[in-house]
Amino acid sequence: MIEALWSVVFNRVGNHGPLNHGAGVVVFETERIFGGDSRYFYTGNYSISNGVATAMLTSTHYAGLRESIIGPDEITTFQLTGKIEQQRIAVSGHVVGRPNVMVMATLTRRAELP
């Protein structure tokens, strides 16, 4: 159900709504996540229970300026949870080790895997 290519838009959440944002693509495949954008690549794993996805996603800098949604970190791990819909997944969570740094992401299904 979730195994596909998805586009993703990330937002850091502040007291007055979304702050910084970023965008990229991810592939969900056999409980693993792979993806990236022009500066960071993403790896992680996910599980699904009762229509809810839970993921641990690590973003690692590889090129250009270190400008992520949370600042100039080289490596950041996010813990995210959200309800799965057919063409969309909205998740929220936080940076691991920094529970006060909240993030949201919206994923849109773009292509099926072969």
N, C-alpha and C. Protein backbone atom coordinates (compact mmCIF):
# COMPACT_ATOMS: atom_id res chain seq x y z
N MET A 1 0.82 -1.21 0.00
CA MET A 1 0.00 0.00 0.00
C MET A 1 0.86 1.27 0.00
N ILE A 2 1.92 1.29 0.79
CA ILE A 2 2.74 2.50 0.92
C ILE A 2 3.96 2.46 0.00
N GLU A 3 4.32 1.26 -0.50
CA GLU A 3 5.53 1.13 -1.31
C GLU A 3 5.35 1.83 -2.65
N ALA A 4 6.07 2.97 -2.80
CA ALA A 4 5.96 3.81 -3.99
C ALA A 4 7.00 4.92 -3.90
N LEU A 5 7.05 5.75 -4.95
CA LEU A 5 7.83 6.98 -4.94
C LEU A 5 6.91 8.10 -4.51
N TRP A 6 7.36 8.89 -3.52
CA TRP A 6 6.56 9.99 -2.97
C TRP A 6 7.37 11.28 -3.02
N SER A 7 6.70 12.39 -3.28
CA SER A 7 7.34 13.69 -3.06
C SER A 7 7.02 14.08 -1.62
N VAL A 8 7.89 14.90 -1.03
CA VAL A 8 7.70 15.27 0.37
C VAL A 8 8.03 16.74 0.57
N VAL A 9 7.20 17.42 1.35
CA VAL A 9 7.45 18.80 1.75
C VAL A 9 7.53 18.80 3.27
N PHE A 10 8.68 19.26 3.80
CA PHE A 10 8.93 19.31 5.24
C PHE A 10 8.72 20.73 5.76
N ASN A 11 8.24 20.85 6.98
CA ASN A 11 8.13 22.15 7.66
C ASN A 11 8.56 22.00 9.11
N ARG A 12 9.30 22.96 9.59
CA ARG A 12 9.56 23.04 11.03
C ARG A 12 8.40 23.81 11.63
N VAL A 13 7.94 23.39 12.79
CA VAL A 13 6.78 24.01 13.42
C VAL A 13 7.22 24.91 14.55
N GLY A 14 6.74 26.15 14.54
CA GLY A 14 7.01 27.10 15.62
C GLY A 14 5.73 27.42 16.36
N ASN A 15 5.82 28.35 17.29
CA ASN A 15 4.65 28.74 18.07
C ASN A 15 3.54 29.35 17.22
N HIS A 16 3.89 29.88 16.06
CA HIS A 16 2.91 30.54 15.22
C HIS A 16 2.73 29.83 13.89
N GLY A 17 2.91 28.50 13.87
CA GLY A 17 2.71 27.73 12.65
C GLY A 17 4.03 27.34 12.00
N PRO A 18 3.96 26.86 10.73
CA PRO A 18 5.17 26.40 10.04
C PRO A 18 6.20 27.51 9.86
N LEU A 19 7.48 27.13 9.97
CA LEU A 19 8.57 28.07 9.77
C LEU A 19 9.30 27.72 8.47
N ASN A 20 10.49 27.19 8.58
CA ASN A 20 11.28 26.81 7.41
C ASN A 20 10.64 25.62 6.70
N HIS A 21 10.92 25.50 5.41
CA HIS A 21 10.43 24.33 4.69
C HIS A 21 11.48 23.82 3.72
N GLY A 22 11.33 22.57 3.35
CA GLY A 22 12.20 21.92 2.39
C GLY A 22 11.39 20.90 1.62
N ALA A 23 11.93 20.42 0.50
CA ALA A 23 11.20 19.47 -0.32
C ALA A 23 12.17 18.48 -0.94
N GLY A 24 11.68 17.28 -1.19
CA GLY A 24 12.49 16.24 -1.81
C GLY A 24 11.62 15.09 -2.24
N VAL A 25 12.24 13.94 -2.44
CA VAL A 25 11.51 12.72 -2.80
C VAL A 25 11.97 11.59 -1.90
N VAL A 26 11.07 10.63 -1.67
CA VAL A 26 11.41 9.42 -0.91
C VAL A 26 10.77 8.21 -1.57
N VAL A 27 11.43 7.07 -1.41
CA VAL A 27 10.89 5.78 -1.83
C VAL A 27 10.69 4.96 -0.58
N PHE A 28 9.49 4.42 -0.42
CA PHE A 28 9.19 3.48 0.64
C PHE A 28 9.25 2.08 0.02
N GLU A 29 10.09 1.21 0.58
CA GLU A 29 10.26 -0.13 0.02
C GLU A 29 10.65 -1.09 1.13
N THR A 30 9.84 -2.13 1.32
CA THR A 30 10.05 -3.18 2.33
C THR A 30 10.56 -2.63 3.67
N GLU A 31 9.80 -1.71 4.23
CA GLU A 31 10.05 -1.11 5.55
C GLU A 31 11.32 -0.25 5.60
N ARG A 32 11.82 0.14 4.41
CA ARG A 32 12.98 1.03 4.34
C ARG A 32 12.60 2.29 3.58
N ILE A 33 13.31 3.39 3.87
CA ILE A 33 13.08 4.67 3.21
C ILE A 33 14.40 5.14 2.60
N PHE A 34 14.34 5.58 1.34
CA PHE A 34 15.49 6.16 0.65
C PHE A 34 15.02 7.40 -0.08
N GLY A 35 15.84 8.45 -0.10
CA GLY A 35 15.44 9.64 -0.85
C GLY A 35 16.44 10.75 -0.69
N GLY A 36 15.98 11.97 -0.99
CA GLY A 36 16.85 13.11 -0.84
C GLY A 36 16.36 14.35 -1.55
N ASP A 37 17.20 15.37 -1.48
CA ASP A 37 16.98 16.63 -2.17
C ASP A 37 18.33 17.11 -2.68
N SER A 38 18.46 18.37 -3.02
CA SER A 38 19.70 18.85 -3.64
C SER A 38 20.87 18.98 -2.66
N ARG A 39 20.63 18.86 -1.35
CA ARG A 39 21.69 19.02 -0.36
C ARG A 39 21.81 17.86 0.63
N TYR A 40 20.74 17.14 0.83
CA TYR A 40 20.69 16.08 1.83
C TYR A 40 20.14 14.79 1.22
N PHE A 41 20.68 13.64 1.67
CA PHE A 41 20.03 12.38 1.31
C PHE A 41 19.37 11.83 2.56
N TYR A 42 18.31 11.05 2.36
CA TYR A 42 17.50 10.52 3.46
C TYR A 42 17.56 9.00 3.46
N THR A 43 17.68 8.43 4.64
CA THR A 43 17.58 6.99 4.83
C THR A 43 16.79 6.74 6.10
N GLY A 44 16.15 5.61 6.17
CA GLY A 44 15.42 5.30 7.39
C GLY A 44 14.62 4.04 7.27
N ASN A 45 13.76 3.82 8.24
CA ASN A 45 12.84 2.71 8.20
C ASN A 45 11.48 3.15 8.71
N TYR A 46 10.50 2.33 8.37
CA TYR A 46 9.12 2.62 8.75
C TYR A 46 8.41 1.34 9.12
N SER A 47 7.32 1.50 9.86
CA SER A 47 6.42 0.39 10.15
C SER A 47 5.00 0.92 10.02
N ILE A 48 4.06 0.00 9.82
CA ILE A 48 2.66 0.38 9.68
C ILE A 48 1.84 -0.48 10.62
N SER A 49 0.94 0.18 11.35
CA SER A 49 0.02 -0.51 12.24
C SER A 49 -1.32 0.21 12.22
N ASN A 50 -2.38 -0.50 11.88
CA ASN A 50 -3.73 0.06 11.85
C ASN A 50 -3.82 1.34 11.01
N GLY A 51 -3.16 1.36 9.85
CA GLY A 51 -3.24 2.51 8.96
C GLY A 51 -2.41 3.70 9.36
N VAL A 52 -1.55 3.52 10.37
CA VAL A 52 -0.68 4.59 10.83
C VAL A 52 0.78 4.20 10.57
N ALA A 53 1.51 5.10 9.92
CA ALA A 53 2.93 4.86 9.65
C ALA A 53 3.77 5.55 10.72
N THR A 54 4.79 4.86 11.17
CA THR A 54 5.78 5.42 12.09
C THR A 54 7.14 5.26 11.43
N ALA A 55 7.92 6.36 11.42
CA ALA A 55 9.21 6.33 10.72
C ALA A 55 10.31 6.99 11.52
N MET A 56 11.51 6.47 11.33
CA MET A 56 12.74 7.12 11.79
C MET A 56 13.49 7.45 10.51
N LEU A 57 13.74 8.73 10.28
CA LEU A 57 14.35 9.18 9.04
C LEU A 57 15.58 10.02 9.36
N THR A 58 16.71 9.65 8.78
CA THR A 58 17.94 10.40 8.99
C THR A 58 18.26 11.18 7.72
N SER A 59 18.52 12.47 7.90
CA SER A 59 18.88 13.37 6.81
C SER A 59 20.37 13.68 6.96
N THR A 60 21.15 13.40 5.90
CA THR A 60 22.60 13.58 5.94
C THR A 60 23.06 14.53 4.85
N HIS A 61 23.81 15.55 5.22
CA HIS A 61 24.31 16.54 4.26
C HIS A 61 25.35 15.90 3.34
N TYR A 62 25.27 16.24 2.03
CA TYR A 62 26.28 15.73 1.10
C TYR A 62 26.79 16.78 0.12
N ALA A 63 26.09 17.94 -0.07
CA ALA A 63 26.54 18.93 -1.05
C ALA A 63 25.97 20.30 -0.72
N GLY A 64 26.70 21.34 -1.15
CA GLY A 64 26.19 22.70 -0.99
C GLY A 64 26.19 23.17 0.45
N LEU A 65 25.44 24.24 0.68
CA LEU A 65 25.33 24.81 2.02
C LEU A 65 24.56 23.88 2.94
N ARG A 66 24.91 23.91 4.21
CA ARG A 66 24.16 23.15 5.21
C ARG A 66 22.98 24.00 5.65
N GLU A 67 21.89 23.87 4.95
CA GLU A 67 20.67 24.61 5.27
C GLU A 67 19.50 23.65 5.26
N SER A 68 19.15 23.15 6.41
CA SER A 68 18.00 22.25 6.52
C SER A 68 16.87 22.99 7.22
N ILE A 69 15.75 22.32 7.40
CA ILE A 69 14.61 22.96 8.05
C ILE A 69 14.88 23.29 9.51
N ILE A 70 15.92 22.70 10.09
CA ILE A 70 16.20 22.99 11.49
C ILE A 70 17.52 23.71 11.69
N GLY A 71 18.22 24.04 10.60
CA GLY A 71 19.48 24.75 10.72
C GLY A 71 20.61 24.04 10.00
N PRO A 72 21.85 24.36 10.35
CA PRO A 72 23.01 23.86 9.60
C PRO A 72 23.55 22.51 10.05
N ASP A 73 22.70 21.64 10.57
CA ASP A 73 23.17 20.33 11.03
C ASP A 73 23.66 19.47 9.86
N GLU A 74 24.68 18.67 10.12
CA GLU A 74 25.17 17.75 9.09
C GLU A 74 24.31 16.49 9.04
N ILE A 75 23.93 15.98 10.21
CA ILE A 75 23.09 14.77 10.28
C ILE A 75 21.97 15.03 11.29
N THR A 76 20.75 14.75 10.88
CA THR A 76 19.59 14.94 11.75
C THR A 76 18.68 13.73 11.61
N THR A 77 18.20 13.21 12.74
CA THR A 77 17.25 12.10 12.71
C THR A 77 15.91 12.59 13.22
N PHE A 78 14.87 12.24 12.47
CA PHE A 78 13.50 12.63 12.79
C PHE A 78 12.69 11.40 13.16
N GLN A 79 11.80 11.55 14.14
CA GLN A 79 10.82 10.52 14.48
C GLN A 79 9.47 11.07 14.04
N LEU A 80 8.79 10.36 13.14
CA LEU A 80 7.56 10.87 12.53
C LEU A 80 6.45 9.82 12.57
N THR A 81 5.21 10.30 12.69
CA THR A 81 4.04 9.43 12.71
C THR A 81 2.90 10.10 11.97
N GLY A 82 2.13 9.32 11.21
CA GLY A 82 0.97 9.89 10.54
C GLY A 82 0.09 8.85 9.90
N LYS A 83 -1.13 9.26 9.60
CA LYS A 83 -2.13 8.38 9.00
C LYS A 83 -1.90 8.28 7.50
N ILE A 84 -2.00 7.06 6.99
CA ILE A 84 -1.81 6.78 5.57
C ILE A 84 -3.14 6.93 4.84
N GLU A 85 -3.13 7.70 3.77
CA GLU A 85 -4.25 7.79 2.85
C GLU A 85 -3.78 7.23 1.52
N GLN A 86 -4.67 7.05 0.57
CA GLN A 86 -4.32 6.44 -0.72
C GLN A 86 -3.22 7.21 -1.46
N GLN A 87 -3.36 8.52 -1.58
CA GLN A 87 -2.43 9.33 -2.36
C GLN A 87 -1.64 10.34 -1.53
N ARG A 88 -1.86 10.35 -0.21
CA ARG A 88 -1.25 11.38 0.63
C ARG A 88 -0.99 10.82 2.02
N ILE A 89 0.09 11.29 2.63
CA ILE A 89 0.39 10.96 4.02
C ILE A 89 0.82 12.26 4.70
N ALA A 90 0.17 12.60 5.78
CA ALA A 90 0.58 13.76 6.58
C ALA A 90 1.18 13.22 7.88
N VAL A 91 2.43 13.59 8.15
CA VAL A 91 3.10 13.12 9.36
C VAL A 91 3.57 14.30 10.20
N SER A 92 3.77 14.03 11.46
CA SER A 92 4.34 15.04 12.36
C SER A 92 5.24 14.31 13.35
N GLY A 93 6.11 15.07 13.98
CA GLY A 93 7.02 14.47 14.94
C GLY A 93 8.05 15.47 15.40
N HIS A 94 9.23 14.95 15.74
CA HIS A 94 10.27 15.81 16.29
C HIS A 94 11.66 15.29 15.91
N VAL A 95 12.65 16.11 16.19
CA VAL A 95 14.04 15.72 16.00
C VAL A 95 14.43 14.85 17.18
N VAL A 96 15.01 13.69 16.91
CA VAL A 96 15.44 12.78 17.97
C VAL A 96 16.49 13.48 18.83
N GLY A 97 16.29 13.43 20.13
CA GLY A 97 17.19 14.10 21.07
C GLY A 97 16.85 15.57 21.30
N ARG A 98 15.91 16.09 20.53
CA ARG A 98 15.48 17.49 20.66
C ARG A 98 13.95 17.54 20.54
N PRO A 99 13.23 17.01 21.53
CA PRO A 99 11.78 16.88 21.42
C PRO A 99 11.03 18.20 21.26
N ASN A 100 11.69 19.32 21.57
CA ASN A 100 11.04 20.61 21.41
C ASN A 100 11.13 21.13 19.97
N VAL A 101 11.89 20.46 19.10
CA VAL A 101 12.00 20.85 17.69
C VAL A 101 11.00 19.99 16.90
N MET A 102 9.83 20.56 16.67
CA MET A 102 8.74 19.85 16.02
C MET A 102 8.77 20.05 14.51
N VAL A 103 8.41 18.99 13.77
CA VAL A 103 8.37 19.03 12.31
C VAL A 103 7.09 18.39 11.79
N MET A 104 6.72 18.79 10.58
CA MET A 104 5.59 18.20 9.87
C MET A 104 6.07 17.89 8.46
N ALA A 105 5.43 16.94 7.82
CA ALA A 105 5.72 16.66 6.42
C ALA A 105 4.46 16.16 5.74
N THR A 106 4.30 16.54 4.49
CA THR A 106 3.20 16.06 3.67
C THR A 106 3.81 15.32 2.48
N LEU A 107 3.39 14.08 2.32
CA LEU A 107 3.89 13.26 1.21
C LEU A 107 2.77 13.03 0.22
N THR A 108 3.13 13.07 -1.07
CA THR A 108 2.18 12.83 -2.16
C THR A 108 2.71 11.70 -3.02
N ARG A 109 1.88 10.70 -3.24
CA ARG A 109 2.27 9.54 -4.06
C ARG A 109 2.48 10.00 -5.50
N ARG A 110 3.65 9.63 -6.09
CA ARG A 110 3.97 10.07 -7.45
C ARG A 110 4.09 8.93 -8.45
N ALA A 111 4.58 7.76 -8.04
CA ALA A 111 4.73 6.65 -8.98
C ALA A 111 4.78 5.33 -8.23
N GLU A 112 4.31 4.30 -8.89
CA GLU A 112 4.35 2.95 -8.31
C GLU A 112 5.74 2.36 -8.54
N LEU A 113 6.14 1.45 -7.68
CA LEU A 113 7.40 0.73 -7.86
C LEU A 113 7.17 -0.41 -8.84
N PRO A 114 8.21 -0.78 -9.59
CA PRO A 114 8.05 -1.89 -10.54
C PRO A 114 7.85 -3.21 -9.82
